[in-house]
Structure formats: C-alpha cells, structure tokens
Amino acid sequence: MILQKYDEKKLEELAACYRRILELVGEDPDREGLLKTPMRAAKAIMDITRGYSENPERIIGSAIFEHSGSQVVTVKDIEFYSLCEHHILPFYGRISIGYIPDGYIVGLSKLARVVDVYAHRLQVQERLTGEICALLSRTLSSKGVIVLCEAGHLCMKMRGVEKQDSTTVTMDYTGAFAEDSALRREFLDSLR
C-alpha cells in the first residue's frame, strides 16, 4: 500500500465539492452517516488519481539490466483499477505486457508499477493501453512491445446500457510485434 501525503488545501476544496454534491443529490451532509464522507471522498479521489504526480519514465529507468537473451518476456494478468474520464466511474481488469529484449531487460515489478501510474489517472481503456505501450517502446531497449488490456466498465454495468457481462479488450503493439503476426499469436497463446 502506498501512503499518500495529502495537500491539505486541495483536500479541503475537494471535501467542499463533495459536500455540495451530496446536497445536490438530495442528501443531508450533516446526518450521522455522511458527516465524514466529504473528507473521505476527497482522500479517495486523491489516492485514485495519484498517477498524475508519478513519473513512469523514472520508474522504468530505475531498474534496467543488461541481458543477452532475445526471446519474448511476458508479464500477464497485472490487475488494475481506474476511473473512466467520461463518467468518473471505475473500470478494472488485467493488463498483460510482452517485449523482446535488445540487450537489456527491466525489473518485472516496474511493469506493474507503470500500469498503476497510468491507471491512477482519469482514463479511457484505449489510451491506457496505448500509453503503456508507447512508454515501454520509448524507454526499453527492445525489438518490440505488446500490451493487452481486458476490462469491465461500471459505466456500462451500472448505468446506460447496463450490460453486466460485457468486457472490453484493447491491444497495442510496436516493432517486431507490429511486423510479425506470428509473434502476436505467440504472445496471445502465452496468455492462455
């Protein structure tokens, strides 16, 4: 768990906004169950969006190691939680990342940390997938990167079309993965 240091001024402003939201939806923010809700909600939104204050390039750069191998490295099923920028409702799922080293590898936990940085911002799944792929393509010495994201969106499950079993799949890839469909198949097969 990451301990967040809060900007007290921002927290107070956010809490005032949440208090007003409670009033606008017809609630009494002074009733017992809601007395501390505005501040709790303010802290929650600061935690959920902490990715804006983190540097993904620095995370990757902190754990690069020489490596002579050149086969696909895959980290699968990295769980994430994010907020849809359209409705500020959660979406969540798993991301799998593959890359082909070109003289260097990255510490595996750094891939999960990068997912967290981008997921802890207001997002759409398509951009989340693309941002992770683009960052890794830029910062890793690799012959190609591939990222697959599968997620469920509460904006589709609890409002709007209310489709409970829907899942969205997005994929982005560069380098050898863009050039060679057999490599993409190998990566996808490794996820089964």
C-alpha atoms as a PDB file:
ATOM      1  CA  MET A   1       0.000   0.000   0.000  1.00  0.00           C
ATOM      2  CA  ILE A   2       1.256   3.472  -0.886  1.00  0.00           C
ATOM      3  CA  LEU A   3       0.916   6.059   1.854  1.00  0.00           C
ATOM      4  CA  GLN A   4      -0.280   9.272   0.273  1.00  0.00           C
ATOM      5  CA  LYS A   5       0.828  12.644   1.568  1.00  0.00           C
ATOM      6  CA  TYR A   6      -2.105  14.959   1.028  1.00  0.00           C
ATOM      7  CA  ASP A   7      -2.123  18.598   0.043  1.00  0.00           C
ATOM      8  CA  GLU A   8      -4.389  19.891   2.819  1.00  0.00           C
ATOM      9  CA  LYS A   9      -5.649  22.876   0.798  1.00  0.00           C
ATOM     10  CA  LYS A  10      -6.683  20.637  -2.095  1.00  0.00           C
ATOM     11  CA  LEU A  11      -8.320  18.184   0.327  1.00  0.00           C
ATOM     12  CA  GLU A  12     -10.415  20.930   1.894  1.00  0.00           C
ATOM     13  CA  GLU A  13     -11.509  22.192  -1.532  1.00  0.00           C
ATOM     14  CA  LEU A  14     -12.395  18.698  -2.715  1.00  0.00           C
ATOM     15  CA  ALA A  15     -14.290  17.960   0.506  1.00  0.00           C
ATOM     16  CA  ALA A  16     -16.332  21.145  -0.013  1.00  0.00           C
ATOM     17  CA  CYS A  17     -17.160  19.981  -3.548  1.00  0.00           C
ATOM     18  CA  TYR A  18     -18.245  16.550  -2.307  1.00  0.00           C
ATOM     19  CA  ARG A  19     -20.371  18.168   0.386  1.00  0.00           C
ATOM     20  CA  ARG A  20     -22.104  20.207  -2.311  1.00  0.00           C
ATOM     21  CA  ILE A  21     -22.619  17.099  -4.468  1.00  0.00           C
ATOM     22  CA  LEU A  22     -24.320  15.385  -1.530  1.00  0.00           C
ATOM     23  CA  GLU A  23     -26.634  18.375  -1.163  1.00  0.00           C
ATOM     24  CA  LEU A  24     -27.402  18.463  -4.896  1.00  0.00           C
ATOM     25  CA  VAL A  25     -28.420  14.783  -4.996  1.00  0.00           C
ATOM     26  CA  GLY A  26     -30.828  15.390  -2.126  1.00  0.00           C
ATOM     27  CA  GLU A  27     -28.776  14.171   0.835  1.00  0.00           C
ATOM     28  CA  ASP A  28     -28.136  15.854   4.161  1.00  0.00           C
ATOM     29  CA  PRO A  29     -24.345  16.022   4.562  1.00  0.00           C
ATOM     30  CA  ASP A  30     -24.857  16.738   8.274  1.00  0.00           C
ATOM     31  CA  ARG A  31     -26.560  13.427   9.035  1.00  0.00           C
ATOM     32  CA  GLU A  32     -24.521  10.943  11.064  1.00  0.00           C
ATOM     33  CA  GLY A  33     -23.551   8.567   8.263  1.00  0.00           C
ATOM     34  CA  LEU A  34     -22.375  11.367   5.983  1.00  0.00           C
ATOM     35  CA  LEU A  35     -20.544  13.678   8.394  1.00  0.00           C
ATOM     36  CA  LYS A  36     -17.078  12.469   7.362  1.00  0.00           C
ATOM     37  CA  THR A  37     -17.975  11.407   3.806  1.00  0.00           C
ATOM     38  CA  PRO A  38     -16.812  14.593   2.050  1.00  0.00           C
ATOM     39  CA  MET A  39     -13.301  14.282   3.505  1.00  0.00           C
ATOM     40  CA  ARG A  40     -13.182  10.518   2.951  1.00  0.00           C
ATOM     41  CA  ALA A  41     -14.258  11.022  -0.668  1.00  0.00           C
ATOM     42  CA  ALA A  42     -11.648  13.769  -1.104  1.00  0.00           C
ATOM     43  CA  LYS A  43      -8.894  11.461   0.155  1.00  0.00           C
ATOM     44  CA  ALA A  44     -10.194   8.630  -2.028  1.00  0.00           C
ATOM     45  CA  ILE A  45     -10.112  10.713  -5.214  1.00  0.00           C
ATOM     46  CA  MET A  46      -6.590  11.903  -4.367  1.00  0.00           C
ATOM     47  CA  ASP A  47      -5.488   8.258  -3.936  1.00  0.00           C
ATOM     48  CA  ILE A  48      -7.237   7.099  -7.096  1.00  0.00           C
ATOM     49  CA  THR A  49      -5.622   9.856  -9.184  1.00  0.00           C
ATOM     50  CA  ARG A  50      -2.123   9.775  -7.666  1.00  0.00           C
ATOM     51  CA  GLY A  51      -0.716   8.769 -11.065  1.00  0.00           C
ATOM     52  CA  TYR A  52      -0.617  12.428 -12.090  1.00  0.00           C
ATOM     53  CA  SER A  53       2.171  13.034  -9.570  1.00  0.00           C
ATOM     54  CA  GLU A  54       4.273   9.990 -10.559  1.00  0.00           C
ATOM     55  CA  ASN A  55       6.857   9.734 -13.334  1.00  0.00           C
ATOM     56  CA  PRO A  56       6.645   6.454 -15.298  1.00  0.00           C
ATOM     57  CA  GLU A  57       9.923   7.080 -17.170  1.00  0.00           C
ATOM     58  CA  ARG A  58      11.771   7.336 -13.860  1.00  0.00           C
ATOM     59  CA  ILE A  59      10.179   4.091 -12.664  1.00  0.00           C
ATOM     60  CA  ILE A  60      11.372   2.175 -15.734  1.00  0.00           C
ATOM     61  CA  GLY A  61      14.796   3.846 -15.696  1.00  0.00           C
ATOM     62  CA  SER A  62      15.408   2.756 -12.113  1.00  0.00           C
ATOM     63  CA  ALA A  63      15.661  -0.950 -12.982  1.00  0.00           C
ATOM     64  CA  ILE A  64      17.281  -1.609 -16.363  1.00  0.00           C
ATOM     65  CA  PHE A  65      19.704  -4.555 -16.506  1.00  0.00           C
ATOM     66  CA  GLU A  66      21.963  -5.997 -19.204  1.00  0.00           C
ATOM     67  CA  HIS A  67      20.673  -9.206 -20.761  1.00  0.00           C
ATOM     68  CA  SER A  68      21.863 -11.195 -23.764  1.00  0.00           C
ATOM     69  CA  GLY A  69      18.615 -13.093 -24.443  1.00  0.00           C
ATOM     70  CA  SER A  70      16.223 -12.108 -27.181  1.00  0.00           C
ATOM     71  CA  GLN A  71      13.034 -14.112 -26.556  1.00  0.00           C
ATOM     72  CA  VAL A  72       9.671 -12.648 -25.578  1.00  0.00           C
ATOM     73  CA  VAL A  73       9.329 -11.665 -21.913  1.00  0.00           C
ATOM     74  CA  THR A  74       5.708 -11.668 -20.767  1.00  0.00           C
ATOM     75  CA  VAL A  75       4.128 -10.449 -17.547  1.00  0.00           C
ATOM     76  CA  LYS A  76       0.467 -11.344 -17.553  1.00  0.00           C
ATOM     77  CA  ASP A  77      -2.613 -10.516 -15.535  1.00  0.00           C
ATOM     78  CA  ILE A  78      -1.431  -7.297 -13.865  1.00  0.00           C
ATOM     79  CA  GLU A  79      -4.619  -6.191 -12.139  1.00  0.00           C
ATOM     80  CA  PHE A  80      -5.599  -2.533 -12.236  1.00  0.00           C
ATOM     81  CA  TYR A  81      -8.375  -0.176 -11.195  1.00  0.00           C
ATOM     82  CA  SER A  82      -9.012   3.132 -12.908  1.00  0.00           C
ATOM     83  CA  LEU A  83     -11.671   5.796 -13.382  1.00  0.00           C
ATOM     84  CA  CYS A  84     -13.377   6.380 -16.705  1.00  0.00           C
ATOM     85  CA  GLU A  85     -12.897  10.015 -17.680  1.00  0.00           C
ATOM     86  CA  HIS A  86     -16.392  10.207 -19.169  1.00  0.00           C
ATOM     87  CA  HIS A  87     -18.421   9.346 -16.065  1.00  0.00           C
ATOM     88  CA  ILE A  88     -15.781   9.157 -13.302  1.00  0.00           C
ATOM     89  CA  LEU A  89     -16.903   5.598 -12.634  1.00  0.00           C
ATOM     90  CA  PRO A  90     -14.497   2.705 -12.112  1.00  0.00           C
ATOM     91  CA  PHE A  91     -13.247   0.330 -14.725  1.00  0.00           C
ATOM     92  CA  TYR A  92     -10.999  -2.530 -13.785  1.00  0.00           C
ATOM     93  CA  GLY A  93      -9.296  -5.540 -15.235  1.00  0.00           C
ATOM     94  CA  ARG A  94      -5.970  -7.055 -16.149  1.00  0.00           C
ATOM     95  CA  ILE A  95      -3.123  -5.979 -18.375  1.00  0.00           C
ATOM     96  CA  SER A  96      -0.558  -8.288 -19.941  1.00  0.00           C
ATOM     97  CA  ILE A  97       2.722  -6.943 -21.308  1.00  0.00           C
ATOM     98  CA  GLY A  98       5.249  -8.584 -23.599  1.00  0.00           C
ATOM     99  CA  TYR A  99       8.516  -7.312 -25.005  1.00  0.00           C
ATOM    100  CA  ILE A 100      11.539  -8.656 -26.838  1.00  0.00           C
ATOM    101  CA  PRO A 101      14.752  -7.553 -25.090  1.00  0.00           C
ATOM    102  CA  ASP A 102      17.504  -5.964 -27.151  1.00  0.00           C
ATOM    103  CA  GLY A 103      20.481  -6.071 -24.795  1.00  0.00           C
ATOM    104  CA  TYR A 104      18.552  -5.050 -21.678  1.00  0.00           C
ATOM    105  CA  ILE A 105      15.617  -6.120 -19.527  1.00  0.00           C
ATOM    106  CA  VAL A 106      13.583  -4.250 -16.941  1.00  0.00           C
ATOM    107  CA  GLY A 107      12.771  -5.344 -13.403  1.00  0.00           C
ATOM    108  CA  LEU A 108       9.402  -7.102 -13.642  1.00  0.00           C
ATOM    109  CA  SER A 109       7.790  -5.155 -10.799  1.00  0.00           C
ATOM    110  CA  LYS A 110       8.446  -1.943 -12.730  1.00  0.00           C
ATOM    111  CA  LEU A 111       5.995  -3.066 -15.423  1.00  0.00           C
ATOM    112  CA  ALA A 112       3.281  -3.419 -12.774  1.00  0.00           C
ATOM    113  CA  ARG A 113       4.209  -0.019 -11.315  1.00  0.00           C
ATOM    114  CA  VAL A 114       3.878   1.619 -14.734  1.00  0.00           C
ATOM    115  CA  VAL A 115       0.411   0.097 -15.114  1.00  0.00           C
ATOM    116  CA  ASP A 116      -0.500   1.614 -11.735  1.00  0.00           C
ATOM    117  CA  VAL A 117       0.778   5.069 -12.692  1.00  0.00           C
ATOM    118  CA  TYR A 118      -1.342   5.277 -15.835  1.00  0.00           C
ATOM    119  CA  ALA A 119      -4.352   3.553 -14.270  1.00  0.00           C
ATOM    120  CA  HIS A 120      -4.335   6.056 -11.394  1.00  0.00           C
ATOM    121  CA  ARG A 121      -5.398   8.863 -13.731  1.00  0.00           C
ATOM    122  CA  LEU A 122      -8.725   9.612 -15.371  1.00  0.00           C
ATOM    123  CA  GLN A 123      -8.616   7.310 -18.369  1.00  0.00           C
ATOM    124  CA  VAL A 124     -10.201   5.548 -21.266  1.00  0.00           C
ATOM    125  CA  GLN A 125      -9.067   1.966 -21.760  1.00  0.00           C
ATOM    126  CA  GLU A 126      -7.805   2.584 -25.282  1.00  0.00           C
ATOM    127  CA  ARG A 127      -5.466   5.371 -24.126  1.00  0.00           C
ATOM    128  CA  LEU A 128      -4.352   3.406 -21.052  1.00  0.00           C
ATOM    129  CA  THR A 129      -3.238   0.544 -23.299  1.00  0.00           C
ATOM    130  CA  GLY A 130      -1.535   2.898 -25.760  1.00  0.00           C
ATOM    131  CA  GLU A 131       0.260   4.949 -23.100  1.00  0.00           C
ATOM    132  CA  ILE A 132       1.786   1.864 -21.526  1.00  0.00           C
ATOM    133  CA  CYS A 133       2.892   0.518 -24.911  1.00  0.00           C
ATOM    134  CA  ALA A 134       4.333   3.869 -26.030  1.00  0.00           C
ATOM    135  CA  LEU A 135       6.244   4.398 -22.778  1.00  0.00           C
ATOM    136  CA  LEU A 136       7.786   0.929 -22.863  1.00  0.00           C
ATOM    137  CA  SER A 137       8.670   1.306 -26.553  1.00  0.00           C
ATOM    138  CA  ARG A 138      10.430   4.605 -25.759  1.00  0.00           C
ATOM    139  CA  THR A 139      12.221   3.588 -22.579  1.00  0.00           C
ATOM    140  CA  LEU A 140      13.129  -0.086 -23.012  1.00  0.00           C
ATOM    141  CA  SER A 141      15.834  -1.278 -25.318  1.00  0.00           C
ATOM    142  CA  SER A 142      13.569  -3.708 -27.140  1.00  0.00           C
ATOM    143  CA  LYS A 143      12.757  -5.115 -30.544  1.00  0.00           C
ATOM    144  CA  GLY A 144       9.045  -4.700 -29.874  1.00  0.00           C
ATOM    145  CA  VAL A 145       6.394  -4.245 -27.202  1.00  0.00           C
ATOM    146  CA  ILE A 146       2.834  -5.572 -26.965  1.00  0.00           C
ATOM    147  CA  VAL A 147       0.157  -4.699 -24.401  1.00  0.00           C
ATOM    148  CA  LEU A 148      -3.229  -6.391 -23.984  1.00  0.00           C
ATOM    149  CA  CYS A 149      -5.887  -4.978 -21.660  1.00  0.00           C
ATOM    150  CA  GLU A 150      -9.177  -6.650 -20.685  1.00  0.00           C
ATOM    151  CA  ALA A 151     -11.564  -4.650 -18.515  1.00  0.00           C
ATOM    152  CA  GLY A 152     -15.083  -4.281 -17.213  1.00  0.00           C
ATOM    153  CA  HIS A 153     -16.570  -0.801 -17.080  1.00  0.00           C
ATOM    154  CA  LEU A 154     -19.080   0.208 -14.417  1.00  0.00           C
ATOM    155  CA  CYS A 155     -20.295   2.983 -16.729  1.00  0.00           C
ATOM    156  CA  MET A 156     -21.696   0.142 -18.865  1.00  0.00           C
ATOM    157  CA  LYS A 157     -22.737  -2.130 -15.999  1.00  0.00           C
ATOM    158  CA  MET A 158     -24.500   0.183 -13.538  1.00  0.00           C
ATOM    159  CA  ARG A 159     -25.866   2.898 -15.841  1.00  0.00           C
ATOM    160  CA  GLY A 160     -26.647   3.349 -19.513  1.00  0.00           C
ATOM    161  CA  VAL A 161     -26.975   0.020 -21.299  1.00  0.00           C
ATOM    162  CA  GLU A 162     -26.489  -1.984 -18.056  1.00  0.00           C
ATOM    163  CA  LYS A 163     -24.712  -4.945 -19.659  1.00  0.00           C
ATOM    164  CA  GLN A 164     -23.311  -6.910 -16.727  1.00  0.00           C
ATOM    165  CA  ASP A 165     -21.180  -9.418 -18.600  1.00  0.00           C
ATOM    166  CA  SER A 166     -19.557  -7.093 -21.105  1.00  0.00           C
ATOM    167  CA  THR A 167     -15.779  -6.934 -21.316  1.00  0.00           C
ATOM    168  CA  THR A 168     -13.661  -4.644 -23.451  1.00  0.00           C
ATOM    169  CA  VAL A 169     -10.352  -5.823 -24.935  1.00  0.00           C
ATOM    170  CA  THR A 170      -7.735  -3.419 -26.290  1.00  0.00           C
ATOM    171  CA  MET A 171      -4.288  -4.149 -27.670  1.00  0.00           C
ATOM    172  CA  ASP A 172      -1.385  -2.041 -28.851  1.00  0.00           C
ATOM    173  CA  TYR A 173       1.989  -3.147 -30.210  1.00  0.00           C
ATOM    174  CA  THR A 174       5.167  -1.843 -31.799  1.00  0.00           C
ATOM    175  CA  GLY A 175       8.284  -3.076 -33.556  1.00  0.00           C
ATOM    176  CA  ALA A 176       8.531  -6.801 -34.244  1.00  0.00           C
ATOM    177  CA  PHE A 177       5.007  -7.365 -32.895  1.00  0.00           C
ATOM    178  CA  ALA A 178       3.633  -4.934 -35.494  1.00  0.00           C
ATOM    179  CA  GLU A 179       5.598  -6.597 -38.264  1.00  0.00           C
ATOM    180  CA  ASP A 180       5.057 -10.274 -37.399  1.00  0.00           C
ATOM    181  CA  SER A 181       1.594 -11.713 -36.759  1.00  0.00           C
ATOM    182  CA  ALA A 182       3.208 -14.988 -35.591  1.00  0.00           C
ATOM    183  CA  LEU A 183       4.837 -13.083 -32.711  1.00  0.00           C
ATOM    184  CA  ARG A 184       1.480 -11.583 -31.765  1.00  0.00           C
ATOM    185  CA  ARG A 185      -0.018 -15.098 -31.806  1.00  0.00           C
ATOM    186  CA  GLU A 186       2.848 -16.403 -29.655  1.00  0.00           C
ATOM    187  CA  PHE A 187       2.169 -13.656 -27.103  1.00  0.00           C
ATOM    188  CA  LEU A 188      -1.585 -14.287 -27.116  1.00  0.00           C
ATOM    189  CA  ASP A 189      -1.033 -18.041 -26.806  1.00  0.00           C
ATOM    190  CA  SER A 190       1.195 -17.465 -23.778  1.00  0.00           C
ATOM    191  CA  LEU A 191      -1.706 -15.758 -22.022  1.00  0.00           C
ATOM    192  CA  ARG A 192      -3.903 -18.885 -22.151  1.00  0.00           C
END
